[in-house]
Amino acid sequence: MSSTAPDTAPSGHIPGTRRPPVPSGIPSRALLDGLRRAAPALAAFVSVHLAGLLFLAVWAHRRGHGVWPMLATEWDSRWYLGIAEHGYAHELGAAFDHNNLAFFPLYPLLVKAVAVVTPGSRAGTGLGIAVLASLVAAWGVFAVGERLAGRQAGILLTTLWAALPVSLVQWMGYTESLFTLFAAWTLYAVLDEHWLWAAAGACLAGLTRPTGIAVAAAVSVAALLSLRRRFSGRALAAALLAPVGWCGYLGWVGLRLGRWDGYFAVQRMWHNELDGGHETLRRLRQLFGQVSRPELFLIVVTLTMLVSVVLFALSVWDRQPLPLLVFTGVLLVIVLCSGGVYFPRARFLLPGFPLLLPVAVHLSRASHRYRALVLAAAVAGSAYCGAYMLLVWPSAP
């Protein structure tokens, strides 16, 4: 295999064995070289978000709203800050939508730990962690895109991920950025068969969000399949360790509540169970067949889910590496087959960045004018949807 890779991928399917050139020498040199290669992608990511924040600030000023509370202290941010301040509930309780054990622990624990050694409030610490995590996540998204389809596709993949309709959540006191950080770098480690790093990333993802099981599934499946080629103790260990974070939190909740199904009981108190997609189909029929003027944000959520299904089919057609397909496939199943609340589902799909890879590859081969028009439309749409989500939509993002 050549030690270098061209900046664009050849026509045909996306191969699973491409890699950027890696300099020899100490790890810090490789790290700096990787950061240098990712710099245009990170600049694009920051630019997209600054444009969205500027649009939000102007709109919020005209409506008399402050930007800071919306980004750092409202909705799910309030739950995470409450956990960092007071810890978790000890009982299941009888009130619906009120048990904080539904929220996974890594992000609030980080907020609590970092706030001890940093000035300012816990809200500021939580927002800072989310923003920093988004930058490292964007680097990971670029790294996976470059690894599979070349540098230009990696930059476009990162830009598209930054310009998703609800991507403003990436710079809020939420867990999507932290989770995507672990998902992206775990998938990158799997592609390079660094099994212990992949297992560690999967464990951390499993402590961050319920959908961490999708990352664990990608690692375990890839590691077990690699054993068919040759035995590796590290691969076997990764397959066994990947779900430990997710299973560990579910087990801890069970012990805390004194029942084996404790976590699932908490989810039932949030009306959030897997129902095979019945609730999703019901909302689709209601939105497009029974409501004369559907809410714009619900249309955005619905289109995001439908487009994600199409993009997953394209990813299968392009023969993406199996770990990516397992991750996005399990993520889609969890989101589409949930009987819980409907409106946050576009946000739940934010970490599924590999779904955008077919679009990034297509744009990398398109004309400059076409590419500029598509990206400009995506950025403008993202800015508007993000501001609408926080200023007009009355419920959680």
Protein backbone atom coordinates (compact mmCIF):
# COMPACT_ATOMS: atom_id res chain seq x y z
CA MET A 1 0.00 0.00 0.00
CA SER A 2 1.25 3.48 -0.80
CA SER A 3 2.30 5.54 2.15
CA THR A 4 0.41 8.57 0.84
CA ALA A 5 -3.13 9.19 -0.31
CA PRO A 6 -4.44 11.71 -2.84
CA ASP A 7 -6.71 14.47 -1.61
CA THR A 8 -9.74 13.14 -3.45
CA ALA A 9 -11.20 9.68 -3.54
CA PRO A 10 -11.40 7.69 -6.78
CA SER A 11 -14.77 7.02 -8.34
CA GLY A 12 -16.74 4.06 -7.08
CA HIS A 13 -17.44 2.96 -3.55
CA ILE A 14 -15.82 4.47 -0.51
CA PRO A 15 -12.94 2.17 0.44
CA GLY A 16 -12.20 1.28 4.00
CA THR A 17 -8.43 1.22 3.83
CA ARG A 18 -7.47 4.77 2.87
CA ARG A 19 -5.37 6.78 5.26
CA PRO A 20 -3.62 10.17 5.19
CA PRO A 21 0.15 10.28 5.38
CA VAL A 22 1.43 9.86 8.93
CA PRO A 23 4.80 11.37 9.77
CA SER A 24 7.41 9.28 11.49
CA GLY A 25 8.75 10.30 14.85
CA ILE A 26 7.28 11.15 18.20
CA PRO A 27 3.47 11.11 18.68
CA SER A 28 3.31 14.87 19.28
CA ARG A 29 4.62 15.46 15.77
CA ALA A 30 1.89 13.26 14.32
CA LEU A 31 -0.66 15.10 16.45
CA LEU A 32 0.48 18.49 15.22
CA ASP A 33 0.52 17.31 11.63
CA GLY A 34 -3.02 15.99 12.01
CA LEU A 35 -4.14 19.29 13.49
CA ARG A 36 -2.50 21.17 10.64
CA ARG A 37 -4.32 19.05 8.09
CA ALA A 38 -7.60 19.55 9.95
CA ALA A 39 -7.19 23.32 10.29
CA PRO A 40 -9.34 24.25 7.23
CA ALA A 41 -12.11 21.94 8.43
CA LEU A 42 -12.00 23.41 11.94
CA ALA A 43 -12.01 26.94 10.50
CA ALA A 44 -15.07 26.08 8.42
CA PHE A 45 -16.76 24.54 11.45
CA VAL A 46 -16.17 27.61 13.61
CA SER A 47 -17.24 29.96 10.81
CA VAL A 48 -20.55 28.15 10.33
CA HIS A 49 -21.29 28.31 14.04
CA LEU A 50 -20.31 31.95 14.37
CA ALA A 51 -22.67 32.78 11.52
CA GLY A 52 -25.45 30.91 13.31
CA LEU A 53 -24.71 32.65 16.61
CA LEU A 54 -24.69 36.06 14.93
CA PHE A 55 -28.08 35.41 13.34
CA LEU A 56 -29.42 34.16 16.68
CA ALA A 57 -28.08 37.21 18.53
CA VAL A 58 -29.69 39.65 16.10
CA TRP A 59 -33.05 37.86 16.20
CA ALA A 60 -32.89 37.44 20.00
CA HIS A 61 -32.11 41.15 20.44
CA ARG A 62 -35.16 42.12 18.40
CA ARG A 63 -37.34 39.84 20.52
CA GLY A 64 -35.81 40.99 23.80
CA HIS A 65 -34.24 37.63 24.69
CA GLY A 66 -30.79 36.93 26.07
CA VAL A 67 -28.60 34.46 24.20
CA TRP A 68 -26.62 33.17 27.17
CA PRO A 69 -29.53 31.56 29.10
CA MET A 70 -30.77 29.77 25.99
CA LEU A 71 -27.37 28.27 25.30
CA ALA A 72 -26.24 27.43 28.82
CA THR A 73 -29.09 27.05 31.29
CA GLU A 74 -32.37 25.99 29.68
CA TRP A 75 -34.08 22.67 28.91
CA ASP A 76 -31.68 19.69 29.15
CA SER A 77 -28.89 22.01 30.29
CA ARG A 78 -30.89 22.62 33.46
CA TRP A 79 -31.10 18.89 34.12
CA TYR A 80 -27.35 18.37 33.70
CA LEU A 81 -26.55 21.36 35.90
CA GLY A 82 -28.94 20.01 38.53
CA ILE A 83 -27.14 16.65 38.51
CA ALA A 84 -23.77 18.41 38.82
CA GLU A 85 -25.12 20.41 41.77
CA HIS A 86 -27.27 17.92 43.66
CA GLY A 87 -26.55 14.46 42.24
CA TYR A 88 -29.03 11.82 41.13
CA ALA A 89 -32.43 10.84 42.51
CA HIS A 90 -32.61 7.92 44.91
CA GLU A 91 -36.15 6.78 44.05
CA LEU A 92 -38.19 6.22 40.92
CA GLY A 93 -40.98 8.53 42.07
CA ALA A 94 -44.47 8.84 40.66
CA ALA A 95 -44.19 12.04 38.60
CA PHE A 96 -43.68 11.73 34.86
CA ASP A 97 -40.73 13.48 33.18
CA HIS A 98 -39.08 14.31 36.51
CA ASN A 99 -36.48 11.62 37.24
CA ASN A 100 -32.94 12.74 36.41
CA LEU A 101 -31.62 9.16 36.22
CA ALA A 102 -32.65 9.27 32.56
CA PHE A 103 -29.59 11.47 31.92
CA PHE A 104 -26.24 9.70 31.59
CA PRO A 105 -23.47 10.79 33.98
CA LEU A 106 -20.25 11.67 32.17
CA TYR A 107 -21.11 15.23 31.09
CA PRO A 108 -22.48 16.41 34.45
CA LEU A 109 -19.56 14.77 36.23
CA LEU A 110 -17.16 16.64 33.96
CA VAL A 111 -19.01 19.88 34.63
CA LYS A 112 -18.78 19.32 38.38
CA ALA A 113 -15.10 18.38 38.27
CA VAL A 114 -13.92 21.15 35.93
CA ALA A 115 -15.99 23.81 37.73
CA VAL A 116 -13.92 23.19 40.86
CA VAL A 117 -10.73 24.39 39.15
CA THR A 118 -12.13 27.07 36.83
CA PRO A 119 -13.65 30.49 37.54
CA GLY A 120 -17.25 31.34 36.80
CA SER A 121 -20.46 29.39 37.12
CA ARG A 122 -21.21 25.74 36.42
CA ALA A 123 -23.34 26.89 33.49
CA GLY A 124 -20.34 28.60 31.94
CA THR A 125 -18.21 25.54 32.57
CA GLY A 126 -20.78 23.27 30.96
CA LEU A 127 -21.04 25.47 27.88
CA GLY A 128 -17.26 25.70 27.63
CA ILE A 129 -16.94 21.92 27.78
CA ALA A 130 -19.57 21.55 25.06
CA VAL A 131 -17.86 24.06 22.75
CA LEU A 132 -14.41 22.56 23.29
CA ALA A 133 -15.83 19.07 22.77
CA SER A 134 -17.44 20.21 19.51
CA LEU A 135 -14.06 21.32 18.18
CA VAL A 136 -12.41 18.00 19.03
CA ALA A 137 -15.46 16.22 17.59
CA ALA A 138 -15.16 18.25 14.37
CA TRP A 139 -11.51 17.19 14.17
CA GLY A 140 -12.62 13.57 14.54
CA VAL A 141 -15.29 13.97 11.88
CA PHE A 142 -12.66 15.38 9.53
CA ALA A 143 -10.24 12.58 10.39
CA VAL A 144 -12.77 9.89 9.50
CA GLY A 145 -13.74 11.67 6.28
CA GLU A 146 -10.11 12.16 5.25
CA ARG A 147 -9.29 8.57 6.18
CA LEU A 148 -12.00 7.24 3.87
CA ALA A 149 -12.35 9.72 1.02
CA GLY A 150 -9.53 12.26 1.05
CA ARG A 151 -8.85 15.63 2.60
CA GLN A 152 -11.34 17.66 0.58
CA ALA A 153 -14.16 15.28 1.41
CA GLY A 154 -13.14 15.44 5.07
CA ILE A 155 -13.38 19.23 5.06
CA LEU A 156 -16.77 19.11 3.37
CA LEU A 157 -17.99 16.43 5.76
CA THR A 158 -17.06 18.63 8.73
CA THR A 159 -18.72 21.67 7.15
CA LEU A 160 -21.92 19.76 6.45
CA TRP A 161 -21.98 18.41 10.01
CA ALA A 162 -21.65 21.98 11.30
CA ALA A 163 -24.52 23.10 9.04
CA LEU A 164 -27.14 20.53 10.01
CA PRO A 165 -30.56 22.08 10.78
CA VAL A 166 -30.26 21.77 14.58
CA SER A 167 -26.48 21.98 14.80
CA LEU A 168 -26.69 24.97 17.13
CA VAL A 169 -27.09 22.33 19.85
CA GLN A 170 -23.40 21.58 19.36
CA TRP A 171 -22.69 24.90 21.11
CA MET A 172 -25.21 24.47 23.92
CA GLY A 173 -24.93 22.87 27.34
CA TYR A 174 -25.96 19.52 25.88
CA THR A 175 -24.18 16.19 25.38
CA GLU A 176 -24.29 15.87 21.58
CA SER A 177 -20.84 17.39 21.04
CA LEU A 178 -19.19 15.26 23.72
CA PHE A 179 -20.87 12.14 22.41
CA THR A 180 -19.85 12.87 18.80
CA LEU A 181 -16.28 13.39 20.00
CA PHE A 182 -16.18 9.86 21.38
CA ALA A 183 -18.09 8.39 18.44
CA ALA A 184 -15.86 9.96 15.77
CA TRP A 185 -12.52 9.11 17.36
CA THR A 186 -13.71 5.64 18.31
CA LEU A 187 -14.69 4.93 14.72
CA TYR A 188 -11.33 6.28 13.57
CA ALA A 189 -9.57 3.94 16.00
CA VAL A 190 -11.64 1.01 14.73
CA LEU A 191 -10.72 1.78 11.11
CA ASP A 192 -7.04 1.64 12.11
CA GLU A 193 -7.66 -1.39 14.36
CA HIS A 194 -6.43 0.32 17.49
CA TRP A 195 -8.71 -1.89 19.52
CA LEU A 196 -7.99 -0.76 23.05
CA TRP A 197 -8.41 2.89 22.14
CA ALA A 198 -11.66 1.99 20.42
CA ALA A 199 -12.88 0.13 23.49
CA ALA A 200 -12.04 3.10 25.72
CA GLY A 201 -13.89 5.48 23.41
CA ALA A 202 -16.92 3.18 23.31
CA CYS A 203 -16.99 3.00 27.11
CA LEU A 204 -16.91 6.79 27.38
CA ALA A 205 -19.62 7.15 24.73
CA GLY A 206 -21.70 4.67 26.69
CA LEU A 207 -21.43 6.89 29.75
CA THR A 208 -22.48 9.98 27.79
CA ARG A 209 -25.76 9.18 26.04
CA PRO A 210 -28.23 6.26 25.79
CA THR A 211 -27.25 5.90 22.12
CA GLY A 212 -23.73 5.01 23.27
CA ILE A 213 -24.79 1.42 22.67
CA ALA A 214 -24.52 2.20 18.94
CA VAL A 215 -20.82 3.01 19.32
CA ALA A 216 -20.29 -0.12 21.41
CA ALA A 217 -22.05 -2.23 18.79
CA ALA A 218 -19.79 -0.85 16.04
CA VAL A 219 -16.66 -1.68 18.03
CA SER A 220 -17.79 -5.15 19.12
CA VAL A 221 -18.97 -6.21 15.66
CA ALA A 222 -15.81 -4.95 13.95
CA ALA A 223 -13.54 -6.53 16.56
CA LEU A 224 -15.29 -9.91 16.42
CA LEU A 225 -15.20 -9.96 12.62
CA SER A 226 -11.49 -9.15 12.67
CA LEU A 227 -10.93 -12.36 14.64
CA ARG A 228 -11.99 -14.30 11.54
CA ARG A 229 -8.84 -13.06 9.77
CA ARG A 230 -6.45 -13.55 12.68
CA PHE A 231 -6.73 -13.90 16.42
CA SER A 232 -5.94 -10.82 18.48
CA GLY A 233 -6.25 -10.59 22.22
CA ARG A 234 -6.74 -6.84 21.95
CA ALA A 235 -9.59 -7.25 19.48
CA LEU A 236 -11.28 -9.81 21.72
CA ALA A 237 -10.84 -7.53 24.73
CA ALA A 238 -12.31 -4.60 22.77
CA ALA A 239 -15.34 -6.65 21.78
CA LEU A 240 -16.00 -7.49 25.41
CA LEU A 241 -15.16 -4.10 26.92
CA ALA A 242 -16.95 -1.80 24.45
CA PRO A 243 -20.41 -2.05 26.08
CA VAL A 244 -19.09 -1.76 29.66
CA GLY A 245 -19.77 1.97 30.04
CA TRP A 246 -23.37 1.74 28.82
CA CYS A 247 -24.11 -1.47 30.74
CA GLY A 248 -22.35 -0.12 33.81
CA TYR A 249 -24.62 2.90 34.06
CA LEU A 250 -27.76 0.81 33.54
CA GLY A 251 -26.54 -1.57 36.24
CA TRP A 252 -25.81 1.28 38.63
CA VAL A 253 -29.31 2.72 38.14
CA GLY A 254 -30.76 -0.72 38.83
CA LEU A 255 -28.81 -0.98 42.08
CA ARG A 256 -29.75 2.55 43.10
CA LEU A 257 -33.46 1.88 42.60
CA GLY A 258 -33.34 -1.69 43.89
CA ARG A 259 -34.77 -3.28 40.75
CA TRP A 260 -33.11 -4.95 37.79
CA ASP A 261 -35.07 -2.90 35.25
CA GLY A 262 -34.46 0.40 37.03
CA TYR A 263 -33.22 2.36 34.03
CA PHE A 264 -36.01 1.12 31.79
CA ALA A 265 -38.53 2.00 34.49
CA VAL A 266 -37.11 5.53 34.49
CA GLN A 267 -37.48 5.69 30.72
CA ARG A 268 -41.10 4.61 31.02
CA MET A 269 -41.62 7.53 33.40
CA TRP A 270 -40.38 9.71 30.53
CA HIS A 271 -42.77 7.95 28.09
CA ASN A 272 -39.69 6.74 26.25
CA GLU A 273 -39.74 3.09 25.18
CA LEU A 274 -38.98 1.26 21.96
CA ASP A 275 -42.26 0.55 20.18
CA GLY A 276 -41.07 -0.69 16.80
CA GLY A 277 -41.72 2.66 15.12
CA HIS A 278 -45.47 2.92 15.79
CA GLU A 279 -45.21 6.38 17.34
CA THR A 280 -43.01 7.60 14.49
CA LEU A 281 -45.50 6.41 11.88
CA ARG A 282 -48.39 7.92 13.83
CA ARG A 283 -46.68 11.31 13.94
CA LEU A 284 -45.87 11.12 10.24
CA ARG A 285 -49.49 10.42 9.36
CA GLN A 286 -50.64 13.16 11.68
CA LEU A 287 -48.15 15.71 10.39
CA PHE A 288 -48.76 15.18 6.68
CA GLY A 289 -52.34 13.91 6.63
CA GLN A 290 -54.27 15.40 9.52
CA VAL A 291 -52.77 18.79 10.37
CA SER A 292 -53.62 21.62 7.99
CA ARG A 293 -50.71 23.85 9.08
CA PRO A 294 -47.95 21.71 10.62
CA GLU A 295 -45.39 23.37 12.86
CA LEU A 296 -42.23 24.31 10.95
CA PHE A 297 -39.88 22.79 13.51
CA LEU A 298 -41.72 19.46 13.38
CA ILE A 299 -41.39 19.50 9.58
CA VAL A 300 -37.63 20.03 9.97
CA VAL A 301 -37.42 17.13 12.44
CA THR A 302 -39.42 14.85 10.16
CA LEU A 303 -37.43 15.71 7.04
CA THR A 304 -34.19 15.18 8.96
CA MET A 305 -35.29 11.67 9.88
CA LEU A 306 -36.51 10.81 6.36
CA VAL A 307 -33.36 12.17 4.72
CA SER A 308 -31.25 10.25 7.23
CA VAL A 309 -32.91 7.01 6.13
CA VAL A 310 -32.15 7.83 2.49
CA LEU A 311 -28.55 8.71 3.35
CA PHE A 312 -28.17 5.44 5.21
CA ALA A 313 -29.32 3.58 2.09
CA LEU A 314 -26.75 5.52 0.05
CA SER A 315 -24.09 4.67 2.61
CA VAL A 316 -24.90 0.98 2.23
CA TRP A 317 -24.85 1.37 -1.56
CA ASP A 318 -21.43 3.06 -1.35
CA ARG A 319 -20.22 0.18 0.83
CA GLN A 320 -19.05 2.26 3.73
CA PRO A 321 -16.90 0.35 6.21
CA LEU A 322 -19.02 -1.89 8.40
CA PRO A 323 -18.29 -0.08 11.71
CA LEU A 324 -19.79 3.13 10.32
CA LEU A 325 -22.84 1.29 9.00
CA VAL A 326 -23.38 -0.47 12.32
CA PHE A 327 -23.10 2.79 14.24
CA THR A 328 -25.49 4.78 12.06
CA GLY A 329 -27.83 1.81 11.60
CA VAL A 330 -28.25 1.22 15.34
CA LEU A 331 -28.57 4.97 15.92
CA LEU A 332 -31.36 5.18 13.35
CA VAL A 333 -33.17 2.18 14.81
CA ILE A 334 -33.10 3.69 18.30
CA VAL A 335 -34.38 7.07 17.10
CA LEU A 336 -37.00 5.83 14.64
CA CYS A 337 -38.32 3.03 16.84
CA SER A 338 -38.66 5.16 19.96
CA GLY A 339 -42.12 5.74 21.38
CA GLY A 340 -40.92 8.81 23.24
CA VAL A 341 -41.07 12.49 22.46
CA TYR A 342 -40.89 13.35 18.78
CA PHE A 343 -39.43 16.84 18.54
CA PRO A 344 -35.83 16.15 19.77
CA ARG A 345 -35.20 13.41 17.24
CA ALA A 346 -33.27 15.57 14.78
CA ARG A 347 -30.94 16.39 17.68
CA PHE A 348 -30.60 12.71 18.55
CA LEU A 349 -29.33 12.11 15.00
CA LEU A 350 -26.65 14.82 15.15
CA PRO A 351 -23.86 12.35 16.07
CA GLY A 352 -24.62 10.29 12.95
CA PHE A 353 -22.10 12.22 10.85
CA PRO A 354 -21.15 9.21 8.63
CA LEU A 355 -24.58 9.59 7.02
CA LEU A 356 -23.28 12.79 5.42
CA LEU A 357 -20.27 11.10 3.82
CA PRO A 358 -22.03 10.32 0.49
CA VAL A 359 -23.00 14.00 0.20
CA ALA A 360 -19.46 15.13 1.04
CA VAL A 361 -17.98 12.82 -1.58
CA HIS A 362 -20.49 14.05 -4.16
CA LEU A 363 -19.69 17.69 -3.41
CA SER A 364 -15.95 17.01 -3.58
CA ARG A 365 -16.42 15.99 -7.23
CA ALA A 366 -18.86 18.81 -8.10
CA SER A 367 -18.07 22.18 -9.64
CA HIS A 368 -16.96 25.02 -7.39
CA ARG A 369 -20.13 27.00 -8.13
CA TYR A 370 -22.46 24.12 -7.31
CA ARG A 371 -20.54 23.32 -4.15
CA ALA A 372 -20.64 26.95 -3.00
CA LEU A 373 -24.40 27.19 -3.61
CA VAL A 374 -25.12 23.98 -1.67
CA LEU A 375 -22.95 24.99 1.27
CA ALA A 376 -24.33 28.53 1.37
CA ALA A 377 -27.88 27.18 1.41
CA ALA A 378 -27.00 24.70 4.15
CA VAL A 379 -25.37 27.37 6.33
CA ALA A 380 -28.26 29.81 5.85
CA GLY A 381 -30.82 27.11 6.59
CA SER A 382 -28.91 25.99 9.67
CA ALA A 383 -28.70 29.55 11.02
CA TYR A 384 -32.42 30.12 10.55
CA CYS A 385 -33.49 26.74 11.94
CA GLY A 386 -31.21 27.09 14.95
CA ALA A 387 -32.58 30.51 15.86
CA TYR A 388 -36.15 29.37 15.21
CA MET A 389 -35.58 26.34 17.43
CA LEU A 390 -34.61 28.54 20.39
CA LEU A 391 -36.74 31.64 19.85
CA VAL A 392 -40.01 30.38 18.34
CA TRP A 393 -40.35 26.66 19.06
CA PRO A 394 -41.84 26.47 22.57
CA SER A 395 -40.37 23.13 23.69
CA ALA A 396 -36.89 21.68 24.12
CA PRO A 397 -34.55 21.58 21.09
